[in-house]
Amino acid sequence: MEEEVKNNYVLGALGALVGAFIGAIPWILMYVFGNMMYSLLAILIVLCSFYGYKLTKAKIDKKVPVILSIASFISITVTMFVIIPMCLMAKEGMPISMEDFVTLYQYDEFTSAMIQDYIVALLFCLVVIGGIVYNLNKQIKEGKESKDIKLLSNDVSNEVFSNEDIEKVKAVFEKSDAMTKNHTISKELVMEELYKEFDEQKANGIFNYLKAQRIIKKKSRQYYFSEKAQKSTWHRYGITSLKTFVIVMVLAIIIAGVIIFVENDTNNDNLNELQDSALTDTTRSNVYDVGVDNIKLEFPEDIVILTQEETAYYFGEMYASAYDCLAMSSDFSKMVMVFSDEKSNYDVEYTAEEYLKAALDNAEIEVKEQEISGHTFYMAEQTYEEDDGNSYVEADYVYDAGDRFICMIFDSLESDRIDVSQIIK
């Protein structure tokens, strides 16, 4: 029998963990596609964790709140630091690999932003978990069967105090018209009447029980009976939880604001330098070594190779981690991007031509074979228009390096297009 209980806990914990990850889906979608971190959705993680546990029909006792807390913490942590970054990478069209994932966390700006959001999410979730854990513990102590336990229960009666007992207490307050915070009664007068209905031990017990349930409320050392709290879970716990929630939210915003301010203040000088001089610096090298078969890119004077820090500043962390090299002109009209893609990333074995069509998601696009500096490249061109009314051409080149493909994207104005044959050496 002891082994069976143990197995139930394990099964229940797995159910709670699966439920927590299912509950995290709306949060992920909001973060990735809604461009906001709506931490209030953390309540769904805890709710789904509980029902995931309950669905396994595992035993519900004092260990359950601990299991729910751990499952929710794991879900929030993995979601924030693994699932969301991978979804963001996929959204930006970046290849999802362990190498790129690790590289992403090498950028302080990205890591700092994730930690800030993680702290805020945990603060919100702690409020939710606290309320739920309290309610579960209360029901467990009352001896309710597992099938009858709910996250929030409207019925306040238990095996010791029936609904009939609670109605007798209510009648005492009604008799003295002590039913609102504007009409109260002293505890001495209440207890005097309760001693007529119950023995001393039960009278004291039910008074303290209903007070703990926030049905008997205190104001200025006087008491009143809240009929709304008797009938509604929200009025018993919601108002107090809302106040706590608002306090935590304000604190979370202040903490996040301080962190952001410190980060911005620290990096402000460096960012200004990037903005003012990065694209006009003529002292840096204009040659990029691809690292395969002695292929080099030699850029003209009007195109500057950006550092990873500069790339992150102008285009974001995703670009910085996705491309091995990014070069551009000062007016942003010309851009060159280089990256390599391991062949092992794919289930099928592509030729360079097939890979290019798959990467562009266009099986009908014309792919040409081109010899440049003794190397065979496969290239395809696409033209498009920007909001400024100008036409641009994107020339995509792929070189088969054996175990990987070297990909080069040359993007420029159609009227002043990049001469690729003069760059690839």
Protein backbone atom coordinates (compact mmCIF):
# COMPACT_ATOMS: atom_id res chain seq x y z
CA MET A 1 0.00 0.00 0.00
CA GLU A 2 2.87 2.36 0.85
CA GLU A 3 4.47 1.67 -2.56
CA GLU A 4 1.15 2.41 -4.29
CA VAL A 5 0.96 5.84 -2.64
CA LYS A 6 4.52 6.57 -3.69
CA ASN A 7 3.72 5.66 -7.30
CA ASN A 8 0.67 7.89 -7.18
CA TYR A 9 2.82 10.81 -6.07
CA VAL A 10 5.19 10.24 -8.97
CA LEU A 11 2.34 9.97 -11.46
CA GLY A 12 0.67 13.01 -9.94
CA ALA A 13 3.89 15.03 -10.12
CA LEU A 14 4.25 14.17 -13.81
CA GLY A 15 0.63 15.19 -14.38
CA ALA A 16 1.24 18.47 -12.53
CA LEU A 17 4.35 19.18 -14.62
CA VAL A 18 2.58 18.45 -17.92
CA GLY A 19 -0.35 20.59 -16.81
CA ALA A 20 2.00 23.45 -15.89
CA PHE A 21 3.59 23.43 -19.35
CA ILE A 22 0.17 23.34 -21.01
CA GLY A 23 -0.83 26.31 -18.85
CA ALA A 24 2.28 28.16 -20.06
CA ILE A 25 1.18 28.08 -23.73
CA PRO A 26 -0.94 31.30 -23.61
CA TRP A 27 1.97 33.04 -21.85
CA ILE A 28 4.40 31.90 -24.58
CA LEU A 29 2.08 33.04 -27.37
CA MET A 30 1.56 36.43 -25.73
CA TYR A 31 5.31 36.90 -25.20
CA VAL A 32 6.43 35.79 -28.67
CA PHE A 33 3.62 37.06 -30.89
CA GLY A 34 1.98 39.71 -28.71
CA ASN A 35 5.30 41.42 -27.95
CA MET A 36 4.45 41.71 -24.26
CA MET A 37 5.09 39.73 -21.10
CA TYR A 38 1.64 39.36 -19.56
CA SER A 39 2.67 37.81 -16.24
CA LEU A 40 -0.90 37.61 -14.98
CA LEU A 41 -1.18 34.54 -17.21
CA ALA A 42 1.04 32.78 -14.66
CA ILE A 43 -2.19 31.91 -12.83
CA LEU A 44 -3.00 29.51 -15.68
CA ILE A 45 0.25 27.64 -15.03
CA VAL A 46 -0.74 26.91 -11.43
CA LEU A 47 -4.36 26.10 -12.28
CA CYS A 48 -3.39 23.68 -15.05
CA SER A 49 -0.73 22.14 -12.82
CA PHE A 50 -3.37 21.35 -10.18
CA TYR A 51 -5.82 19.84 -12.66
CA GLY A 52 -2.99 17.92 -14.32
CA TYR A 53 -2.25 16.40 -10.90
CA LYS A 54 -5.91 15.74 -10.15
CA LEU A 55 -6.44 14.12 -13.56
CA THR A 56 -4.03 11.32 -12.59
CA LYS A 57 -6.28 10.52 -9.59
CA ALA A 58 -3.22 10.72 -7.37
CA LYS A 59 -3.68 11.21 -3.63
CA ILE A 60 -4.23 14.81 -2.56
CA ASP A 61 -2.67 15.64 0.79
CA LYS A 62 -0.26 18.13 2.35
CA LYS A 63 2.44 17.22 -0.20
CA VAL A 64 0.36 18.48 -3.13
CA PRO A 65 1.00 22.23 -2.57
CA VAL A 66 4.74 21.50 -2.57
CA ILE A 67 4.43 19.48 -5.79
CA LEU A 68 2.42 22.26 -7.46
CA SER A 69 4.94 24.89 -6.39
CA ILE A 70 7.88 22.89 -7.77
CA ALA A 71 6.06 22.04 -11.03
CA SER A 72 5.09 25.69 -11.55
CA PHE A 73 8.64 26.88 -10.80
CA ILE A 74 10.11 24.38 -13.29
CA SER A 75 7.57 25.36 -15.94
CA ILE A 76 8.21 29.09 -15.56
CA THR A 77 12.00 28.63 -15.56
CA VAL A 78 12.14 26.34 -18.59
CA THR A 79 9.56 28.41 -20.45
CA MET A 80 11.41 31.67 -19.86
CA PHE A 81 14.97 30.52 -20.50
CA VAL A 82 14.49 27.74 -23.08
CA ILE A 83 11.11 27.66 -24.84
CA ILE A 84 10.58 31.41 -25.34
CA PRO A 85 14.12 32.06 -26.69
CA MET A 86 13.73 29.16 -29.14
CA CYS A 87 10.34 30.46 -30.26
CA LEU A 88 11.85 33.93 -30.75
CA MET A 89 14.67 32.38 -32.80
CA ALA A 90 12.17 30.52 -34.98
CA LYS A 91 10.08 33.66 -35.40
CA GLU A 92 13.16 35.55 -36.65
CA GLY A 93 13.96 32.75 -39.09
CA MET A 94 17.10 31.70 -37.24
CA PRO A 95 18.28 28.09 -37.30
CA ILE A 96 17.54 26.44 -33.96
CA SER A 97 20.64 24.62 -32.77
CA MET A 98 22.43 24.24 -29.46
CA GLU A 99 25.33 26.31 -30.75
CA ASP A 100 23.09 29.24 -31.73
CA PHE A 101 21.14 28.90 -28.48
CA VAL A 102 24.28 29.11 -26.36
CA THR A 103 25.56 32.03 -28.45
CA LEU A 104 22.33 33.91 -27.79
CA TYR A 105 23.01 33.92 -24.05
CA GLN A 106 26.48 35.35 -24.55
CA TYR A 107 24.91 38.73 -25.18
CA ASP A 108 24.43 40.64 -21.95
CA GLU A 109 21.51 42.68 -23.28
CA PHE A 110 19.45 39.59 -24.12
CA THR A 111 20.33 37.77 -20.89
CA SER A 112 19.53 40.82 -18.78
CA ALA A 113 16.12 41.25 -20.47
CA MET A 114 15.23 37.59 -19.86
CA ILE A 115 16.24 37.78 -16.19
CA GLN A 116 14.14 40.92 -15.67
CA ASP A 117 11.05 39.26 -17.16
CA TYR A 118 11.72 36.08 -15.18
CA ILE A 119 11.82 37.98 -11.87
CA VAL A 120 8.54 39.74 -12.65
CA ALA A 121 6.87 36.45 -13.66
CA LEU A 122 8.02 34.73 -10.45
CA LEU A 123 6.70 37.57 -8.30
CA PHE A 124 3.28 37.36 -9.91
CA CYS A 125 3.25 33.58 -9.73
CA LEU A 126 4.19 33.59 -6.03
CA VAL A 127 1.05 35.59 -5.26
CA VAL A 128 -1.10 33.11 -7.15
CA ILE A 129 0.60 30.04 -5.66
CA GLY A 130 0.36 31.51 -2.16
CA GLY A 131 -3.42 31.88 -2.38
CA ILE A 132 -3.93 28.46 -3.92
CA VAL A 133 -1.61 26.68 -1.50
CA TYR A 134 -3.44 28.28 1.43
CA ASN A 135 -6.80 27.15 0.11
CA LEU A 136 -5.64 23.61 -0.64
CA ASN A 137 -4.06 23.26 2.80
CA LYS A 138 -7.29 24.43 4.41
CA GLN A 139 -9.39 21.87 2.54
CA ILE A 140 -6.89 19.10 3.26
CA LYS A 141 -6.94 19.93 6.99
CA GLU A 142 -10.74 19.86 6.88
CA GLY A 143 -10.46 16.24 5.75
CA LYS A 144 -12.14 16.61 2.35
CA GLU A 145 -11.88 13.68 -0.04
CA SER A 146 -9.50 14.11 -3.00
CA LYS A 147 -12.36 14.14 -5.49
CA ASP A 148 -14.09 16.98 -3.61
CA ILE A 149 -11.07 19.26 -3.29
CA LYS A 150 -11.15 22.36 -5.49
CA LEU A 151 -8.75 25.25 -5.89
CA LEU A 152 -11.38 27.62 -4.59
CA SER A 153 -14.43 26.35 -2.72
CA ASN A 154 -17.55 28.44 -2.10
CA ASP A 155 -18.81 26.14 0.64
CA VAL A 156 -17.22 27.05 3.98
CA SER A 157 -18.81 24.27 6.03
CA ASN A 158 -16.77 21.29 7.18
CA GLU A 159 -17.10 18.20 9.36
CA VAL A 160 -16.90 20.30 12.55
CA PHE A 161 -19.07 23.27 11.60
CA SER A 162 -22.12 22.64 9.44
CA ASN A 163 -24.00 25.18 7.33
CA GLU A 164 -26.69 25.13 10.03
CA ASP A 165 -24.07 26.15 12.64
CA ILE A 166 -22.85 28.98 10.41
CA GLU A 167 -26.42 30.21 9.92
CA LYS A 168 -26.85 30.36 13.73
CA VAL A 169 -23.76 32.58 13.95
CA LYS A 170 -25.13 34.74 11.16
CA ALA A 171 -28.42 35.12 13.05
CA VAL A 172 -26.53 36.49 16.08
CA PHE A 173 -25.04 39.26 13.95
CA GLU A 174 -28.35 39.90 12.16
CA LYS A 175 -30.04 40.32 15.53
CA SER A 176 -27.64 43.19 16.30
CA ASP A 177 -27.71 44.52 12.71
CA ALA A 178 -23.94 43.93 12.49
CA MET A 179 -23.84 42.94 8.82
CA THR A 180 -21.67 45.70 7.30
CA LYS A 181 -18.50 47.56 8.24
CA ASN A 182 -20.66 50.53 9.18
CA HIS A 183 -22.63 48.48 11.69
CA THR A 184 -20.44 46.41 14.01
CA ILE A 185 -20.64 44.65 17.37
CA SER A 186 -18.13 43.80 20.10
CA LYS A 187 -16.74 40.30 20.40
CA GLU A 188 -17.99 40.08 23.99
CA LEU A 189 -21.63 40.56 22.91
CA VAL A 190 -21.23 38.05 20.07
CA MET A 191 -19.70 35.41 22.32
CA GLU A 192 -22.41 35.96 24.93
CA GLU A 193 -25.02 34.99 22.33
CA LEU A 194 -22.93 32.14 20.87
CA TYR A 195 -22.58 30.54 24.32
CA LYS A 196 -26.37 30.20 24.31
CA GLU A 197 -26.24 28.26 21.02
CA PHE A 198 -23.08 26.16 21.49
CA ASP A 199 -20.83 24.93 24.25
CA GLU A 200 -17.88 27.20 25.04
CA GLN A 201 -15.32 25.25 23.02
CA LYS A 202 -17.47 25.12 19.89
CA ALA A 203 -18.51 28.77 20.23
CA ASN A 204 -14.88 29.92 20.34
CA GLY A 205 -13.94 27.49 17.56
CA ILE A 206 -16.61 28.59 15.09
CA PHE A 207 -15.95 32.28 15.76
CA ASN A 208 -12.23 31.86 15.06
CA TYR A 209 -12.93 29.64 12.05
CA LEU A 210 -15.27 32.16 10.40
CA LYS A 211 -12.84 34.94 11.22
CA ALA A 212 -10.04 32.99 9.49
CA GLN A 213 -12.38 32.50 6.53
CA ARG A 214 -12.85 36.30 6.43
CA ILE A 215 -16.60 35.90 6.86
CA ILE A 216 -16.48 37.51 10.29
CA LYS A 217 -14.52 40.68 9.68
CA LYS A 218 -12.93 43.12 12.09
CA LYS A 219 -13.08 46.91 12.03
CA SER A 220 -11.80 49.13 14.83
CA ARG A 221 -11.85 46.30 17.38
CA GLN A 222 -15.47 45.55 16.48
CA TYR A 223 -16.85 42.78 14.26
CA TYR A 224 -19.46 42.25 11.56
CA PHE A 225 -20.69 39.31 9.48
CA SER A 226 -20.13 39.53 5.71
CA GLU A 227 -22.92 37.76 3.85
CA LYS A 228 -21.10 38.32 0.54
CA ALA A 229 -18.00 36.58 1.87
CA GLN A 230 -20.15 33.68 3.07
CA LYS A 231 -21.48 33.09 -0.42
CA SER A 232 -18.52 34.10 -2.59
CA THR A 233 -14.93 32.90 -2.67
CA TRP A 234 -13.95 36.14 -4.39
CA HIS A 235 -15.16 38.25 -1.49
CA ARG A 236 -13.39 35.97 0.99
CA TYR A 237 -10.01 35.99 -0.73
CA GLY A 238 -10.20 38.08 -3.88
CA ILE A 239 -10.12 41.56 -2.41
CA THR A 240 -7.18 40.80 -0.13
CA SER A 241 -5.35 38.96 -2.93
CA LEU A 242 -5.97 41.88 -5.27
CA LYS A 243 -4.35 44.28 -2.82
CA THR A 244 -1.38 41.95 -2.45
CA PHE A 245 -1.25 41.53 -6.23
CA VAL A 246 -1.19 45.29 -6.80
CA ILE A 247 1.58 45.74 -4.21
CA VAL A 248 3.69 43.00 -5.80
CA MET A 249 3.02 44.39 -9.28
CA VAL A 250 4.19 47.86 -8.23
CA LEU A 251 7.30 46.40 -6.60
CA ALA A 252 7.99 44.30 -9.69
CA ILE A 253 7.67 47.34 -11.96
CA ILE A 254 9.99 49.35 -9.70
CA ILE A 255 12.59 46.53 -9.63
CA ALA A 256 12.41 46.08 -13.40
CA GLY A 257 12.64 49.84 -13.89
CA VAL A 258 15.74 50.11 -11.69
CA ILE A 259 17.43 47.24 -13.55
CA ILE A 260 16.61 48.75 -16.94
CA PHE A 261 17.77 52.21 -15.83
CA VAL A 262 21.09 50.86 -14.57
CA GLU A 263 21.61 48.86 -17.77
CA ASN A 264 20.78 51.82 -20.00
CA ASP A 265 22.94 54.20 -17.99
CA THR A 266 25.88 51.80 -18.12
CA ASN A 267 25.64 51.22 -21.87
CA ASN A 268 24.52 54.66 -22.97
CA ASP A 269 27.97 56.05 -23.83
CA ASN A 270 28.93 52.95 -25.81
CA LEU A 271 25.67 52.99 -27.77
CA ASN A 272 26.08 56.64 -28.65
CA GLU A 273 29.56 55.92 -29.94
CA LEU A 274 28.19 53.14 -32.10
CA GLN A 275 25.49 55.36 -33.50
CA ASP A 276 27.88 58.20 -34.30
CA SER A 277 30.91 56.39 -35.67
CA ALA A 278 30.32 52.70 -36.40
CA LEU A 279 29.42 53.11 -40.06
CA THR A 280 31.95 55.84 -40.85
CA ASP A 281 35.02 54.20 -39.33
CA THR A 282 37.53 53.78 -42.17
CA THR A 283 40.36 52.41 -39.99
CA ARG A 284 38.97 48.89 -39.59
CA SER A 285 39.65 46.02 -41.98
CA ASN A 286 37.27 45.60 -44.90
CA VAL A 287 38.20 41.93 -45.51
CA TYR A 288 36.24 39.01 -44.06
CA ASP A 289 37.73 35.50 -44.11
CA VAL A 290 34.93 32.97 -44.57
CA GLY A 291 37.20 30.21 -43.21
CA VAL A 292 36.42 27.72 -45.98
CA ASP A 293 38.56 26.95 -49.06
CA ASN A 294 40.38 30.30 -48.76
CA ILE A 295 37.22 32.24 -49.67
CA LYS A 296 37.37 35.88 -48.61
CA LEU A 297 35.03 38.82 -48.96
CA GLU A 298 36.71 42.11 -49.79
CA PHE A 299 34.27 45.00 -49.35
CA PRO A 300 34.49 48.39 -51.04
CA GLU A 301 35.10 51.52 -48.94
CA ASP A 302 31.40 52.37 -48.64
CA ILE A 303 30.59 49.06 -46.87
CA VAL A 304 31.71 48.51 -43.26
CA ILE A 305 31.92 45.16 -41.44
CA LEU A 306 30.02 45.44 -38.16
CA THR A 307 31.14 43.88 -34.90
CA GLN A 308 28.65 41.65 -33.08
CA GLU A 309 28.00 44.45 -30.59
CA GLU A 310 27.23 46.88 -33.43
CA THR A 311 25.00 44.33 -35.14
CA ALA A 312 23.06 43.81 -31.91
CA TYR A 313 22.67 47.57 -31.50
CA TYR A 314 21.37 48.22 -35.01
CA PHE A 315 19.36 45.05 -35.61
CA GLY A 316 18.93 43.22 -32.28
CA GLU A 317 20.43 40.21 -30.55
CA MET A 318 18.82 37.75 -32.95
CA TYR A 319 20.75 39.12 -35.90
CA ALA A 320 24.00 39.19 -33.93
CA SER A 321 23.70 35.50 -33.09
CA ALA A 322 22.35 34.41 -36.48
CA TYR A 323 25.04 35.82 -38.79
CA ASP A 324 28.77 35.18 -38.83
CA CYS A 325 29.31 38.46 -40.66
CA LEU A 326 27.12 41.46 -41.33
CA ALA A 327 28.35 44.43 -43.37
CA MET A 328 26.48 47.50 -44.56
CA SER A 329 26.74 50.97 -46.03
CA SER A 330 26.26 54.09 -43.91
CA ASP A 331 22.93 54.87 -45.60
CA PHE A 332 21.67 51.28 -45.09
CA SER A 333 21.09 50.89 -48.85
CA LYS A 334 23.59 48.03 -49.12
CA MET A 335 23.80 45.04 -46.80
CA VAL A 336 25.73 41.77 -46.84
CA MET A 337 25.00 38.87 -44.47
CA VAL A 338 27.00 35.64 -44.17
CA PHE A 339 26.23 32.49 -42.19
CA SER A 340 26.95 28.76 -42.38
CA ASP A 341 24.41 25.96 -42.06
CA GLU A 342 25.39 22.42 -41.03
CA LYS A 343 24.04 19.72 -43.35
CA SER A 344 23.33 17.59 -40.28
CA ASN A 345 20.52 20.03 -39.40
CA TYR A 346 18.31 18.40 -42.04
CA ASP A 347 16.74 14.97 -42.45
CA VAL A 348 17.26 15.05 -46.23
CA GLU A 349 20.56 15.48 -48.03
CA TYR A 350 20.23 18.65 -50.10
CA THR A 351 22.35 19.69 -53.02
CA ALA A 352 23.35 23.36 -52.91
CA GLU A 353 20.63 24.18 -55.46
CA GLU A 354 17.96 22.27 -53.50
CA TYR A 355 19.08 23.87 -50.26
CA LEU A 356 18.77 27.37 -51.74
CA LYS A 357 15.24 26.70 -52.96
CA ALA A 358 14.28 25.23 -49.59
CA ALA A 359 15.82 28.17 -47.70
CA LEU A 360 13.92 30.66 -49.88
CA ASP A 361 10.76 28.50 -49.63
CA ASN A 362 10.33 28.78 -53.37
CA ALA A 363 10.67 25.59 -55.41
CA GLU A 364 10.04 27.49 -58.66
CA ILE A 365 12.71 30.17 -58.29
CA GLU A 366 15.44 30.12 -60.95
CA VAL A 367 18.81 29.06 -59.54
CA LYS A 368 21.94 29.82 -61.55
CA GLU A 369 25.38 28.28 -61.27
CA GLN A 370 28.13 30.92 -61.14
CA GLU A 371 31.93 30.65 -61.04
CA ILE A 372 33.60 33.36 -58.94
CA SER A 373 37.33 33.37 -58.13
CA GLY A 374 37.60 29.65 -58.93
CA HIS A 375 34.66 28.62 -56.71
CA THR A 376 31.23 27.37 -57.75
CA PHE A 377 28.27 29.21 -56.25
CA TYR A 378 24.55 28.76 -56.72
CA MET A 379 22.58 31.98 -56.74
CA ALA A 380 19.03 33.28 -57.01
CA GLU A 381 17.69 36.82 -57.18
CA GLN A 382 14.50 38.41 -55.94
CA THR A 383 13.34 42.01 -56.28
CA TYR A 384 11.02 43.82 -53.89
CA GLU A 385 9.81 47.31 -53.05
CA GLU A 386 10.10 49.12 -49.72
CA ASP A 387 7.75 51.71 -48.25
CA ASP A 388 10.05 54.46 -49.51
CA GLY A 389 9.07 53.52 -53.10
CA ASN A 390 12.53 52.25 -54.04
CA SER A 391 13.15 48.86 -55.62
CA TYR A 392 15.67 46.53 -54.04
CA VAL A 393 17.29 43.31 -55.18
CA GLU A 394 18.25 40.43 -52.91
CA ALA A 395 20.89 38.10 -54.34
CA ASP A 396 21.32 34.85 -52.38
CA TYR A 397 24.48 32.79 -52.89
CA VAL A 398 25.20 29.27 -51.58
CA TYR A 399 28.54 27.46 -51.59
CA ASP A 400 28.83 23.73 -50.82
CA ALA A 401 31.67 23.37 -48.30
CA GLY A 402 31.28 19.60 -47.85
CA ASP A 403 29.83 19.28 -44.37
CA ARG A 404 27.96 22.59 -44.53
CA PHE A 405 26.61 25.29 -46.78
CA ILE A 406 28.04 28.80 -46.77
CA CYS A 407 25.22 31.27 -47.34
CA MET A 408 25.68 34.87 -48.48
CA ILE A 409 22.92 37.44 -48.88
CA PHE A 410 23.63 40.60 -50.87
CA ASP A 411 20.87 43.20 -50.52
CA SER A 412 21.00 46.56 -52.30
CA LEU A 413 19.13 49.18 -54.32
CA GLU A 414 18.31 47.90 -57.80
CA SER A 415 19.69 51.14 -59.21
CA ASP A 416 22.97 50.75 -57.28
CA ARG A 417 23.33 47.04 -56.80
CA ILE A 418 26.31 45.32 -55.24
CA ASP A 419 28.83 43.81 -57.67
CA VAL A 420 29.24 40.40 -56.05
CA SER A 421 32.04 39.32 -58.42
CA GLN A 422 34.19 42.19 -57.07
CA ILE A 423 33.63 41.15 -53.43
CA ILE A 424 34.08 37.36 -53.40
CA LYS A 425 37.80 36.56 -53.69
